[in-house]
Amino acid sequence: METHLDSSNPGAPSSLSSRSLALERLFHVTVSLSDRMVVSQFLHDAEMEIKGYQTEIHKLKSAILSLEHRRDGLRQKVAKYRSLLSPIHRVPPEILRHIFTFCCTRNWLQLSPTSASPVLAISSTCSRWRENALSMPTLWSQICIRFEEWKEDYHALTSLTHLFLGRSKSSPLSLILYFEDQAINDATKPSLTALVQQSERWHSLRIWGIKQADLHSNLFQRLRGNLPILSALDIAGDPEEEQNQFHWDLLSDCPKLSSLSVQPACPITTTCVLPWHQIKTLQLYHSIAFFALPLLSLCCNAEHLELLSIGDFEGIPPHAVYRDHVTLPSIKKLSIMEVEENEHFYCIFQNSTLPRLSELELHGQDILAKPLAVRKEWDEVAIINFLSRSSCSITSLTFKWVPISDEQIIRLLRFMPHLKTLSLEEYPTETNPRNQIVTRFFLKSLLVDHEHTSSFFLPRLTNLKLVVHADSLDEHALSDAVMSRWIPHLAYASDIGVDCIKSIEVIFLDWKEDLIDTLTGSLRWMGDAGARVTIVGRSTEKGSDAREQIEERGAGILF
C-alpha cells in the first residue's frame, strides 16, 4: 500500500524517495501503460508534496518577515529611548523655555524650509519641543517681514502671518516690517490687514522704507487711537522721497510710547505727529546736525540720547550748519555710535548742555581693514568745554575705537572725578597692533600711591574693562595699578578718599596664552578675596569678515 505525503505535515515520512528509485529503471526500458500510470501517480503525489513545501516556506517567510519587522521596530525604539539619556533631556523645562526665548527674539517669516524662523524650527524638532513652543505664546509674538522677499507667494505670507498671530494668542507683539521703498499692493494688504487688526497688541514697531502715501491710505487708519501698549517705535521712509505737504497723526495717541528711533532728514519724520514729550529714549541716525539737533528740544523729558552717524561734514554749505544751542536737563546717558569723522563727535558737544549727564558712550566706526594712520587726531577741546559747561558728574565712560591718545584720555578723565565705571577698547587691527590708549603711561596714572595721599586720579573708580592688544600691554603696570586699588578696609578707603575696585575685565584681541597665565597668576588672589576678575583671549582669522573675525578662545580666570 502506497504512503502519500500529508500536506498538512510536510515533515512526515514520504515514500516518494523510495518510489523514485523504482522509476529510475524506466530510463533503460520501454515505458508500458502500467508504467505510465505509476509515473503519473508519482508526479501527482510529488506536486502535492511540493505545494506542501511551498506552503511551509511561505509560513516561514511570513514568520521571518514578522520577526524582521519586530526587530526593526525595536531598533527604532532603542534609538528613540537612547536619546532620553542625552544631556538635553536633563534640562528642566523652565531652562529650556529660557533658551527658546533667547533664540526667538526675531522670527523672520520666510518660505524656504532651510531658512525657517527659529520658532518654527523649534516646534518641528520633537514633540517635547513642540509642546513647549506651543505653550509659549511670547515665542510667536516676534514677527519680522521683508515684503520684497514675498513677491511670488503672498498667499503663503498671509497664512504664516495668521499662524503667528493665532499662536501668539494675547501676547504683546514686536513687529519689524521692511518695505524696501516698495509701495503696498493688493498682494501685500491681507497680511498687513491682519497685523493692523491686532494693533492693540503692538508693543514695539520697526517700520522701514514705507511710502508717505501708504501711511495716508485707509489700511493704516485703524491705528489712530488703537495703540495702547506701543512703547518702542523705529520708523523710516525713503530719504529720496519728496516731502508731503500733509501731516499724519496716526501715532500721536500712544500713551505708553517712550522709545523712539528716527532718521531726522527723512521726509516721513518731519510730517509725523508724535508724542515727543513722552520719549525717554531717543535715537537719531544718519543725518547732519542741522536736521537732527532741532528734534532734541522736542524731547524735553528724554533720559537717553543715542546718535548714529549724526554730525556735520567737511565742505558742508554754511546755510546747513547748525549754529543754535540746546539745553537738555533730563538727559542722563549719551551714546554716540558709528563715528567716522571727528565732526560726528563734536556736533553734540559744541551745541548742547547736558547738566544731568552721568553716562557717556562713544563708539568709532568699524575700520578694521584700514591702518591706524588714517585715523584723524582727536581734538579734546570740544568735549572738555562741554563737560565744563554742563557741570555734569560722569559716573560711567565707554570709549570703543576712538582715535584718542593716552595723554588725551588722562586729561579728559581728570574732568570726571566721580567716574565709577571705565571701559576702553582699542582698534582690533592687524596693521599696527599696538595700544594707543592703554599704554604703560596710562596704567601708571591709575596707580594709587599710598604714601602720598593728597589727591588721586579717578578716586571713585570701581569697575575697569580693557580690550587691548596683548603684545604691547605692560602686564606688570596693569597688575600694580589694580592691586593698588584693592582697598577692602572701608575706614582706610574713606580716610584716603579712594574706593575699592570691585571688578577688572581684560580682553585680549589676540591670543597669548603665556600672558594670560601670567596675569591670571598675579590677580587670582583678588578673585578669591571677592572681586570679579575676568581675563579672556580672542583670536583673529585672516580672510574672514571683520565682524565675524573675533572668536572667543578661552578664559584665563573668571570669578
Protein backbone atom coordinates (compact mmCIF):
# COMPACT_ATOMS: atom_id res chain seq x y z
CA MET A 1 0.00 0.00 0.00
CA GLU A 2 1.48 3.39 -1.04
CA THR A 3 2.08 6.14 1.52
CA HIS A 4 1.24 9.68 0.37
CA LEU A 5 2.56 12.95 1.77
CA ASP A 6 0.35 14.71 4.25
CA SER A 7 0.42 18.31 3.03
CA SER A 8 -0.55 19.47 6.48
CA ASN A 9 2.63 17.95 7.84
CA PRO A 10 5.42 18.26 5.25
CA GLY A 11 7.94 16.91 7.72
CA ALA A 12 6.23 13.46 7.83
CA PRO A 13 7.96 10.42 6.23
CA SER A 14 7.42 10.25 2.44
CA SER A 15 7.58 7.26 0.05
CA LEU A 16 8.44 9.45 -2.91
CA SER A 17 12.15 8.97 -2.46
CA SER A 18 11.84 5.16 -2.45
CA ARG A 19 9.39 5.23 -5.35
CA SER A 20 11.72 7.39 -7.36
CA LEU A 21 14.35 4.61 -7.26
CA ALA A 22 11.85 2.27 -8.97
CA LEU A 23 11.20 4.85 -11.64
CA GLU A 24 14.90 5.22 -12.42
CA ARG A 25 14.91 1.83 -14.23
CA LEU A 26 12.29 3.09 -16.71
CA PHE A 27 15.01 5.23 -18.31
CA HIS A 28 16.55 1.95 -19.56
CA VAL A 29 13.39 0.16 -20.81
CA THR A 30 10.28 0.79 -22.82
CA VAL A 31 7.61 2.51 -20.71
CA SER A 32 4.43 0.41 -20.66
CA LEU A 33 0.90 1.57 -19.99
CA SER A 34 1.07 0.41 -16.40
CA ASP A 35 4.39 2.21 -16.00
CA ARG A 36 2.82 5.41 -17.33
CA MET A 37 0.14 5.15 -14.68
CA VAL A 38 2.81 4.73 -12.00
CA VAL A 39 4.71 7.78 -13.30
CA SER A 40 1.52 9.87 -13.44
CA GLN A 41 0.65 8.94 -9.88
CA PHE A 42 4.19 9.81 -8.77
CA LEU A 43 4.02 13.21 -10.45
CA HIS A 44 0.67 13.93 -8.86
CA ASP A 45 1.94 12.98 -5.43
CA ALA A 46 5.17 14.97 -5.96
CA GLU A 47 3.27 18.11 -6.97
CA MET A 48 1.12 17.80 -3.87
CA GLU A 49 4.22 17.47 -1.73
CA ILE A 50 5.84 20.49 -3.49
CA LYS A 51 2.75 22.53 -2.70
CA GLY A 52 3.06 21.46 0.92
CA TYR A 53 6.70 22.52 0.99
CA GLN A 54 5.87 25.85 -0.65
CA THR A 55 3.11 26.45 1.87
CA GLU A 56 5.54 25.81 4.70
CA ILE A 57 8.15 28.10 3.08
CA HIS A 58 5.55 30.86 2.87
CA LYS A 59 4.74 30.35 6.53
CA LEU A 60 8.42 30.53 7.46
CA LYS A 61 8.96 33.61 5.27
CA SER A 62 5.97 35.24 6.92
CA ALA A 63 7.42 34.42 10.32
CA ILE A 64 10.84 35.80 9.28
CA LEU A 65 9.28 38.96 7.88
CA SER A 66 7.29 39.39 11.07
CA LEU A 67 10.45 38.96 13.12
CA GLU A 68 12.29 41.46 10.93
CA HIS A 69 9.51 43.99 11.42
CA ARG A 70 9.58 43.43 15.15
CA ARG A 71 13.37 43.73 15.12
CA ASP A 72 13.32 46.99 13.14
CA GLY A 73 10.59 48.40 15.34
CA LEU A 74 12.57 47.55 18.44
CA ARG A 75 15.68 49.13 16.92
CA GLN A 76 13.73 52.34 16.38
CA LYS A 77 12.52 52.27 19.95
CA VAL A 78 16.05 51.66 21.22
CA ALA A 79 17.33 54.62 19.22
CA LYS A 80 14.40 56.73 20.39
CA TYR A 81 14.72 55.80 24.06
CA ARG A 82 18.51 56.03 23.98
CA SER A 83 18.09 59.71 23.13
CA LEU A 84 16.49 60.10 26.56
CA LEU A 85 19.98 59.65 28.00
CA SER A 86 21.32 62.66 26.07
CA PRO A 87 22.14 65.80 28.11
CA ILE A 88 19.33 67.84 26.52
CA HIS A 89 16.73 65.67 28.26
CA ARG A 90 18.25 66.55 31.62
CA VAL A 91 17.47 70.23 31.04
CA PRO A 92 14.45 71.31 33.10
CA PRO A 93 11.56 72.75 31.07
CA GLU A 94 11.94 76.20 32.62
CA ILE A 95 15.60 76.34 31.46
CA LEU A 96 14.57 75.08 28.03
CA ARG A 97 12.00 77.85 27.78
CA HIS A 98 14.63 80.44 28.65
CA ILE A 99 16.81 79.10 25.82
CA PHE A 100 13.89 79.20 23.39
CA THR A 101 13.13 82.77 24.41
CA PHE A 102 16.74 83.74 23.77
CA CYS A 103 16.69 82.12 20.32
CA CYS A 104 13.38 83.55 19.15
CA THR A 105 13.98 87.27 19.54
CA ARG A 106 13.40 87.67 15.80
CA ASN A 107 11.24 85.38 13.67
CA TRP A 108 11.69 86.29 10.02
CA LEU A 109 8.77 84.90 8.06
CA GLN A 110 10.40 83.04 5.18
CA LEU A 111 9.12 80.47 2.72
CA SER A 112 12.26 78.35 2.42
CA PRO A 113 12.33 75.39 4.88
CA THR A 114 16.11 75.75 5.19
CA SER A 115 15.75 79.30 6.49
CA ALA A 116 12.64 78.87 8.62
CA SER A 117 12.15 81.19 11.57
CA PRO A 118 13.61 79.93 14.88
CA VAL A 119 10.27 79.20 16.49
CA LEU A 120 9.13 77.11 13.50
CA ALA A 121 12.40 75.17 13.60
CA ILE A 122 11.98 74.57 17.33
CA SER A 123 8.36 73.45 17.04
CA SER A 124 9.25 70.90 14.34
CA THR A 125 12.21 69.31 16.15
CA CYS A 126 10.46 66.89 18.53
CA SER A 127 7.20 66.51 20.42
CA ARG A 128 8.61 67.89 23.66
CA TRP A 129 10.00 70.99 21.98
CA ARG A 130 6.79 71.44 20.03
CA GLU A 131 4.68 71.24 23.19
CA ASN A 132 6.92 73.82 24.86
CA ALA A 133 6.88 76.11 21.83
CA LEU A 134 3.09 75.95 21.51
CA SER A 135 2.70 76.62 25.23
CA MET A 136 4.76 79.84 24.96
CA PRO A 137 2.78 82.47 23.06
CA THR A 138 5.58 85.01 23.53
CA LEU A 139 7.81 83.00 21.16
CA TRP A 140 5.33 83.61 18.36
CA SER A 141 4.91 87.30 19.12
CA GLN A 142 8.19 88.34 17.44
CA ILE A 143 7.18 88.81 13.78
CA CYS A 144 9.58 90.11 11.12
CA ILE A 145 8.72 90.50 7.43
CA ARG A 146 10.70 91.63 4.38
CA PHE A 147 7.92 92.16 1.87
CA GLU A 148 10.40 92.27 -1.01
CA GLU A 149 11.09 88.54 -0.45
CA TRP A 150 7.42 87.56 -0.87
CA LYS A 151 6.71 88.90 -4.34
CA GLU A 152 5.86 85.47 -5.75
CA ASP A 153 3.84 83.96 -2.91
CA TYR A 154 1.90 86.42 -0.80
CA HIS A 155 -0.72 83.77 -0.05
CA ALA A 156 1.85 81.83 1.96
CA LEU A 157 2.82 85.04 3.77
CA THR A 158 -0.79 85.65 4.72
CA SER A 159 -1.09 82.09 6.07
CA LEU A 160 2.12 82.43 8.07
CA THR A 161 1.01 85.78 9.46
CA HIS A 162 -2.29 84.31 10.67
CA LEU A 163 -0.40 81.30 12.11
CA PHE A 164 1.87 83.51 14.20
CA LEU A 165 -0.95 85.79 15.28
CA GLY A 166 -3.01 82.81 16.35
CA ARG A 167 -0.26 81.05 18.27
CA SER A 168 0.88 84.27 19.95
CA LYS A 169 -2.63 84.47 21.47
CA SER A 170 -2.85 87.69 23.50
CA SER A 171 0.89 88.31 23.93
CA PRO A 172 2.24 91.79 23.09
CA LEU A 173 3.61 91.87 19.53
CA SER A 174 7.05 93.03 18.42
CA LEU A 175 6.96 93.80 14.69
CA ILE A 176 9.69 94.50 12.15
CA LEU A 177 8.32 95.44 8.72
CA TYR A 178 10.71 96.21 5.85
CA PHE A 179 9.09 97.60 2.70
CA GLU A 180 12.38 98.33 0.87
CA ASP A 181 10.84 101.54 -0.53
CA GLN A 182 8.21 99.46 -2.36
CA ALA A 183 4.61 100.64 -2.49
CA ILE A 184 1.99 98.50 -0.78
CA ASN A 185 -0.03 96.49 -3.32
CA ASP A 186 -3.10 94.27 -3.23
CA ALA A 187 -0.98 91.18 -2.60
CA THR A 188 0.60 92.76 0.50
CA LYS A 189 -2.62 94.02 2.05
CA PRO A 190 -4.03 90.76 3.53
CA SER A 191 -1.06 90.16 5.82
CA LEU A 192 -0.82 93.86 6.74
CA THR A 193 -4.55 93.98 7.42
CA ALA A 194 -4.22 91.00 9.77
CA LEU A 195 -1.44 92.79 11.67
CA VAL A 196 -3.26 96.14 11.82
CA GLN A 197 -6.36 94.42 13.21
CA GLN A 198 -4.19 93.36 16.16
CA SER A 199 -2.79 96.87 16.79
CA GLU A 200 -3.99 96.79 20.41
CA ARG A 201 -1.26 94.20 20.98
CA TRP A 202 1.59 96.12 19.32
CA HIS A 203 4.36 96.59 21.86
CA SER A 204 7.27 97.56 19.60
CA LEU A 205 7.28 98.51 15.93
CA ARG A 206 10.07 98.97 13.40
CA ILE A 207 8.79 100.04 10.00
CA TRP A 208 11.37 100.94 7.36
CA GLY A 209 11.10 102.03 3.74
CA ILE A 210 7.40 102.82 3.76
CA LYS A 211 5.96 105.44 1.42
CA GLN A 212 4.19 108.52 2.78
CA ALA A 213 1.20 107.81 0.56
CA ASP A 214 0.82 104.34 2.05
CA LEU A 215 0.69 105.76 5.57
CA HIS A 216 -2.15 108.02 4.43
CA SER A 217 -4.08 105.06 2.99
CA ASN A 218 -7.17 103.56 4.64
CA LEU A 219 -5.19 100.46 5.55
CA PHE A 220 -3.47 102.17 8.49
CA GLN A 221 -6.31 104.43 9.64
CA ARG A 222 -7.30 101.92 12.30
CA LEU A 223 -4.03 102.65 14.12
CA ARG A 224 -5.24 106.05 15.28
CA GLY A 225 -6.09 105.70 18.97
CA ASN A 226 -5.62 101.89 18.91
CA LEU A 227 -2.02 101.58 20.11
CA PRO A 228 -2.49 101.40 23.89
CA ILE A 229 0.73 99.47 24.71
CA LEU A 230 3.12 100.60 21.96
CA SER A 231 6.31 101.54 23.84
CA ALA A 232 9.05 101.48 21.17
CA LEU A 233 8.89 102.92 17.65
CA ASP A 234 11.51 102.92 14.88
CA ILE A 235 10.20 104.47 11.67
CA ALA A 236 11.97 105.46 8.46
CA GLY A 237 10.81 106.18 4.95
CA ASP A 238 12.53 106.80 1.66
CA PRO A 239 15.06 109.66 2.15
CA GLU A 240 14.84 110.43 -1.59
CA GLU A 241 11.07 110.87 -1.46
CA GLU A 242 9.69 114.38 -1.79
CA GLN A 243 8.19 115.78 1.37
CA ASN A 244 4.42 115.50 1.55
CA GLN A 245 2.56 118.66 2.49
CA PHE A 246 0.17 116.72 4.70
CA HIS A 247 0.97 115.77 8.28
CA TRP A 248 -0.19 112.43 9.60
CA ASP A 249 -1.15 111.78 13.20
CA LEU A 250 -1.76 108.03 13.30
CA LEU A 251 0.85 107.66 16.07
CA SER A 252 0.03 110.81 18.02
CA ASP A 253 -2.02 108.92 20.63
CA CYS A 254 0.35 106.30 22.07
CA PRO A 255 0.13 106.60 25.87
CA LYS A 256 2.98 104.12 26.53
CA LEU A 257 5.42 105.27 23.84
CA SER A 258 8.79 106.01 25.48
CA SER A 259 11.44 104.87 22.97
CA LEU A 260 11.77 106.48 19.54
CA SER A 261 14.23 105.95 16.68
CA VAL A 262 14.04 108.16 13.58
CA GLN A 263 16.13 109.48 10.71
CA PRO A 264 15.81 113.27 11.08
CA ALA A 265 16.40 114.17 7.43
CA CYS A 266 13.78 111.70 6.20
CA PRO A 267 10.57 113.44 4.99
CA ILE A 268 8.41 110.97 6.86
CA THR A 269 9.92 112.19 10.14
CA THR A 270 9.06 115.83 9.55
CA THR A 271 5.44 115.04 8.64
CA CYS A 272 4.82 112.69 11.57
CA VAL A 273 2.97 113.95 14.65
CA LEU A 274 4.35 112.14 17.70
CA PRO A 275 4.03 112.48 21.49
CA TRP A 276 7.57 113.85 21.78
CA HIS A 277 7.17 114.83 25.43
CA GLN A 278 6.73 111.14 26.39
CA ILE A 279 10.01 109.99 24.88
CA LYS A 280 12.60 108.70 27.37
CA THR A 281 14.99 107.07 24.88
CA LEU A 282 15.68 108.87 21.61
CA GLN A 283 17.82 107.50 18.77
CA LEU A 284 18.72 109.68 15.78
CA TYR A 285 20.70 108.28 12.86
CA HIS A 286 22.28 109.18 9.51
CA SER A 287 21.78 112.92 9.34
CA ILE A 288 23.57 116.23 9.61
CA ALA A 289 23.19 118.24 12.79
CA PHE A 290 21.03 120.83 11.00
CA PHE A 291 18.16 118.31 10.85
CA ALA A 292 18.93 116.24 13.94
CA LEU A 293 19.59 118.64 16.79
CA PRO A 294 16.33 120.64 16.50
CA LEU A 295 14.45 117.45 17.37
CA LEU A 296 16.17 117.35 20.76
CA SER A 297 14.24 120.34 22.03
CA LEU A 298 11.00 118.44 21.33
CA CYS A 299 12.03 115.59 23.66
CA CYS A 300 12.12 117.62 26.84
CA ASN A 301 11.88 114.51 29.05
CA ALA A 302 14.33 112.23 27.24
CA GLU A 303 16.86 110.49 29.50
CA HIS A 304 18.90 108.50 26.96
CA LEU A 305 20.09 110.06 23.72
CA GLU A 306 21.76 107.90 21.06
CA LEU A 307 23.28 109.41 17.92
CA LEU A 308 24.37 107.21 14.99
CA SER A 309 26.40 109.00 12.32
CA ILE A 310 24.98 112.38 13.31
CA GLY A 311 27.11 115.45 12.63
CA ASP A 312 28.42 117.94 10.14
CA PHE A 313 30.90 117.00 7.43
CA GLU A 314 33.76 118.82 5.79
CA GLY A 315 32.57 121.02 2.93
CA ILE A 316 29.01 121.30 4.18
CA PRO A 317 27.31 124.52 2.93
CA PRO A 318 27.25 127.33 5.54
CA HIS A 319 23.45 127.52 5.47
CA ALA A 320 23.28 123.84 6.53
CA VAL A 321 25.47 124.27 9.62
CA TYR A 322 23.59 124.11 12.91
CA ARG A 323 24.50 127.16 15.00
CA ASP A 324 21.92 127.13 17.79
CA HIS A 325 22.39 125.77 21.29
CA VAL A 326 20.13 123.38 23.15
CA THR A 327 19.97 122.57 26.86
CA LEU A 328 18.55 119.18 27.78
CA PRO A 329 18.12 118.97 31.56
CA SER A 330 16.78 115.40 31.62
CA ILE A 331 19.45 113.54 29.59
CA LYS A 332 21.34 111.07 31.79
CA LYS A 333 23.01 108.90 29.14
CA LEU A 334 24.58 109.95 25.84
CA SER A 335 25.65 107.36 23.26
CA ILE A 336 27.46 108.45 20.10
CA MET A 337 27.80 105.49 17.71
CA GLU A 338 29.29 104.68 14.30
CA VAL A 339 31.57 107.70 14.32
CA GLU A 340 33.80 108.06 11.27
CA GLU A 341 34.61 111.77 11.34
CA ASN A 342 35.60 113.98 14.26
CA GLU A 343 32.66 116.20 13.37
CA HIS A 344 30.34 113.39 14.49
CA PHE A 345 31.74 113.74 17.99
CA TYR A 346 31.82 117.48 18.11
CA CYS A 347 28.36 118.50 16.91
CA ILE A 348 26.58 117.43 20.09
CA PHE A 349 29.37 118.68 22.36
CA GLN A 350 29.55 122.10 20.72
CA ASN A 351 25.82 122.72 20.55
CA SER A 352 24.37 121.29 23.75
CA THR A 353 24.46 121.43 27.53
CA LEU A 354 23.52 118.31 29.50
CA PRO A 355 23.66 119.12 33.22
CA ARG A 356 22.39 115.70 34.43
CA LEU A 357 24.57 113.56 32.17
CA SER A 358 26.12 110.61 34.05
CA GLU A 359 26.86 108.03 31.33
CA LEU A 360 28.88 108.74 28.19
CA GLU A 361 29.44 106.16 25.45
CA LEU A 362 31.47 106.81 22.27
CA HIS A 363 31.90 104.20 19.52
CA GLY A 364 34.06 104.75 16.48
CA GLN A 365 33.20 103.16 13.16
CA ASP A 366 34.42 99.68 12.27
CA ILE A 367 37.57 100.32 10.19
CA LEU A 368 39.41 97.08 10.86
CA ALA A 369 40.75 96.89 7.33
CA LYS A 370 42.35 100.35 7.46
CA PRO A 371 45.70 101.26 9.03
CA LEU A 372 45.71 103.38 12.14
CA ALA A 373 47.45 106.13 10.19
CA VAL A 374 44.18 107.09 8.53
CA ARG A 375 42.63 108.00 11.88
CA LYS A 376 42.30 111.69 12.44
CA GLU A 377 43.77 113.20 15.57
CA TRP A 378 41.39 113.58 18.47
CA ASP A 379 40.58 117.14 19.50
CA GLU A 380 39.51 117.00 23.13
CA VAL A 381 38.76 120.71 23.42
CA ALA A 382 35.11 120.34 22.40
CA ILE A 383 34.32 117.60 24.91
CA ILE A 384 36.28 119.26 27.73
CA ASN A 385 34.43 122.52 27.14
CA PHE A 386 31.19 120.55 27.08
CA LEU A 387 31.94 118.93 30.45
CA SER A 388 32.89 122.25 31.98
CA ARG A 389 29.80 123.98 30.60
CA SER A 390 27.41 121.19 31.62
CA SER A 391 28.91 120.76 35.12
CA CYS A 392 27.76 117.14 34.95
CA SER A 393 29.06 114.23 37.02
CA ILE A 394 30.10 111.40 34.70
CA THR A 395 30.00 108.06 36.52
CA SER A 396 30.32 105.72 33.50
CA LEU A 397 32.52 106.17 30.42
CA THR A 398 32.86 103.82 27.43
CA PHE A 399 35.32 104.50 24.59
CA LYS A 400 35.38 101.97 21.75
CA TRP A 401 37.60 102.53 18.70
CA VAL A 402 38.04 106.21 19.50
CA PRO A 403 41.15 107.89 18.00
CA ILE A 404 42.45 109.28 21.27
CA SER A 405 45.94 109.03 22.77
CA ASP A 406 46.95 108.03 26.28
CA GLU A 407 47.80 111.60 27.26
CA GLN A 408 44.50 112.87 25.92
CA ILE A 409 42.42 110.27 27.76
CA ILE A 410 44.19 111.15 31.00
CA ARG A 411 43.47 114.85 30.53
CA LEU A 412 39.85 114.04 29.76
CA LEU A 413 39.42 111.73 32.75
CA ARG A 414 40.62 114.43 35.11
CA PHE A 415 37.32 116.16 34.38
CA MET A 416 35.48 113.06 35.65
CA PRO A 417 36.38 112.72 39.34
CA HIS A 418 33.13 110.82 40.06
CA LEU A 419 33.77 108.12 37.45
CA LYS A 420 32.95 104.62 38.71
CA THR A 421 32.95 102.53 35.52
CA LEU A 422 35.55 102.85 32.76
CA SER A 423 35.61 100.75 29.56
CA LEU A 424 38.30 101.25 26.90
CA GLU A 425 38.61 99.22 23.69
CA GLU A 426 41.47 99.51 21.22
CA TYR A 427 41.13 99.05 17.45
CA PRO A 428 41.37 95.30 16.62
CA THR A 429 43.59 95.96 13.60
CA GLU A 430 46.47 93.80 12.39
CA THR A 431 48.20 96.65 10.56
CA ASN A 432 49.69 98.16 13.70
CA PRO A 433 48.55 96.09 16.68
CA ARG A 434 49.71 98.46 19.39
CA ASN A 435 47.71 100.03 22.16
CA GLN A 436 47.16 103.73 21.61
CA ILE A 437 45.22 104.35 24.84
CA VAL A 438 46.07 101.61 27.34
CA THR A 439 49.80 102.26 27.41
CA ARG A 440 52.28 101.96 30.26
CA PHE A 441 51.91 105.69 30.83
CA PHE A 442 48.13 105.38 31.19
CA LEU A 443 48.33 102.36 33.51
CA LYS A 444 50.82 104.11 35.76
CA SER A 445 48.40 107.02 36.06
CA LEU A 446 45.89 104.58 37.61
CA LEU A 447 48.36 103.61 40.34
CA VAL A 448 47.36 104.69 43.85
CA ASP A 449 50.36 105.86 45.86
CA HIS A 450 49.51 105.06 49.46
CA GLU A 451 52.48 107.06 50.75
CA HIS A 452 51.26 110.32 49.24
CA THR A 453 47.51 110.69 49.76
CA SER A 454 46.98 114.32 48.80
CA SER A 455 45.00 113.66 45.60
CA PHE A 456 44.32 110.68 43.38
CA PHE A 457 43.39 110.07 39.76
CA LEU A 458 39.85 108.63 39.42
CA PRO A 459 39.28 108.08 43.15
CA ARG A 460 35.76 106.61 42.69
CA LEU A 461 36.76 104.01 40.05
CA THR A 462 35.39 100.56 40.95
CA ASN A 463 34.87 98.81 37.59
CA LEU A 464 37.51 98.65 34.87
CA LYS A 465 37.24 96.95 31.46
CA LEU A 466 40.12 96.92 28.96
CA VAL A 467 40.03 95.40 25.46
CA VAL A 468 43.65 95.56 24.35
CA HIS A 469 46.43 94.16 22.17
CA ALA A 470 48.45 91.65 24.15
CA ASP A 471 51.84 92.36 22.58
CA SER A 472 52.01 95.97 23.75
CA LEU A 473 50.35 95.58 27.14
CA ASP A 474 52.52 96.14 30.21
CA GLU A 475 51.04 93.43 32.42
CA HIS A 476 53.18 94.45 35.40
CA ALA A 477 51.93 98.04 35.28
CA LEU A 478 48.36 96.75 34.99
CA SER A 479 48.77 94.38 37.95
CA ASP A 480 50.35 97.10 40.07
CA ALA A 481 47.57 99.57 39.25
CA VAL A 482 44.79 97.09 40.02
CA MET A 483 46.37 95.83 43.22
CA SER A 484 46.98 99.38 44.45
CA ARG A 485 43.23 100.00 44.21
CA TRP A 486 42.28 96.92 46.23
CA ILE A 487 41.26 98.65 49.48
CA PRO A 488 38.65 96.43 51.17
CA HIS A 489 39.03 98.18 54.55
CA LEU A 490 36.23 100.76 54.45
CA ALA A 491 37.68 103.03 57.11
CA TYR A 492 41.05 103.24 55.39
CA ALA A 493 39.43 103.72 51.98
CA SER A 494 37.39 106.59 53.44
CA ASP A 495 40.48 108.15 55.01
CA ILE A 496 42.47 108.28 51.77
CA GLY A 497 39.41 109.02 49.62
CA VAL A 498 39.71 106.09 47.20
CA ASP A 499 37.03 103.44 46.59
CA CYS A 500 37.97 99.76 46.47
CA ILE A 501 37.97 98.26 43.00
CA LYS A 502 35.23 95.65 42.55
CA SER A 503 35.76 94.23 39.08
CA ILE A 504 38.52 94.06 36.47
CA GLU A 505 37.95 92.66 32.98
CA VAL A 506 40.78 92.25 30.48
CA ILE A 507 40.06 91.01 26.96
CA PHE A 508 43.00 90.40 24.65
CA LEU A 509 42.38 90.99 20.96
CA ASP A 510 44.99 88.34 20.18
CA TRP A 511 45.51 85.02 21.92
CA LYS A 512 48.62 84.98 24.14
CA GLU A 513 48.41 82.05 26.49
CA ASP A 514 51.59 82.88 28.40
CA LEU A 515 50.43 86.44 29.07
CA ILE A 516 47.00 85.22 30.16
CA ASP A 517 48.65 82.77 32.55
CA THR A 518 50.94 85.47 33.94
CA LEU A 519 48.12 87.95 34.53
CA THR A 520 45.92 85.20 35.91
CA GLY A 521 48.56 84.24 38.44
CA SER A 522 49.06 87.81 39.61
CA LEU A 523 45.34 88.58 40.06
CA ARG A 524 43.87 85.25 41.19
CA TRP A 525 44.03 86.28 44.83
CA MET A 526 41.65 89.18 44.11
CA GLY A 527 39.07 86.78 42.76
CA ASP A 528 39.44 84.61 45.84
CA ALA A 529 39.00 87.71 48.01
CA GLY A 530 35.67 88.63 46.42
CA ALA A 531 36.46 90.82 43.41
CA ARG A 532 35.20 89.89 39.96
CA VAL A 533 38.23 89.17 37.79
CA THR A 534 37.83 88.19 34.13
CA ILE A 535 40.72 87.54 31.75
CA VAL A 536 39.95 86.15 28.29
CA GLY A 537 41.68 85.92 24.95
CA ARG A 538 40.48 86.22 21.40
CA SER A 539 41.99 85.23 18.08
CA THR A 540 41.58 86.71 14.61
CA GLU A 541 41.44 84.62 11.47
CA LYS A 542 42.76 86.31 8.34
CA GLY A 543 40.46 86.47 5.38
CA SER A 544 37.23 86.37 7.33
CA ASP A 545 34.74 89.16 7.63
CA ALA A 546 35.79 91.79 10.12
CA ARG A 547 32.61 91.47 12.15
CA GLU A 548 32.97 87.70 12.31
CA GLN A 549 36.72 87.53 12.93
CA ILE A 550 36.68 87.73 16.68
CA GLU A 551 36.27 84.34 18.29
CA GLU A 552 36.45 83.51 21.96
CA ARG A 553 39.27 81.07 22.60
CA GLY A 554 39.03 80.62 26.33
CA ALA A 555 39.19 82.20 29.74
CA GLY A 556 42.28 82.51 31.86
CA ILE A 557 40.33 83.26 35.00
CA LEU A 558 36.74 84.05 35.75
CA PHE A 559 35.34 84.62 39.22
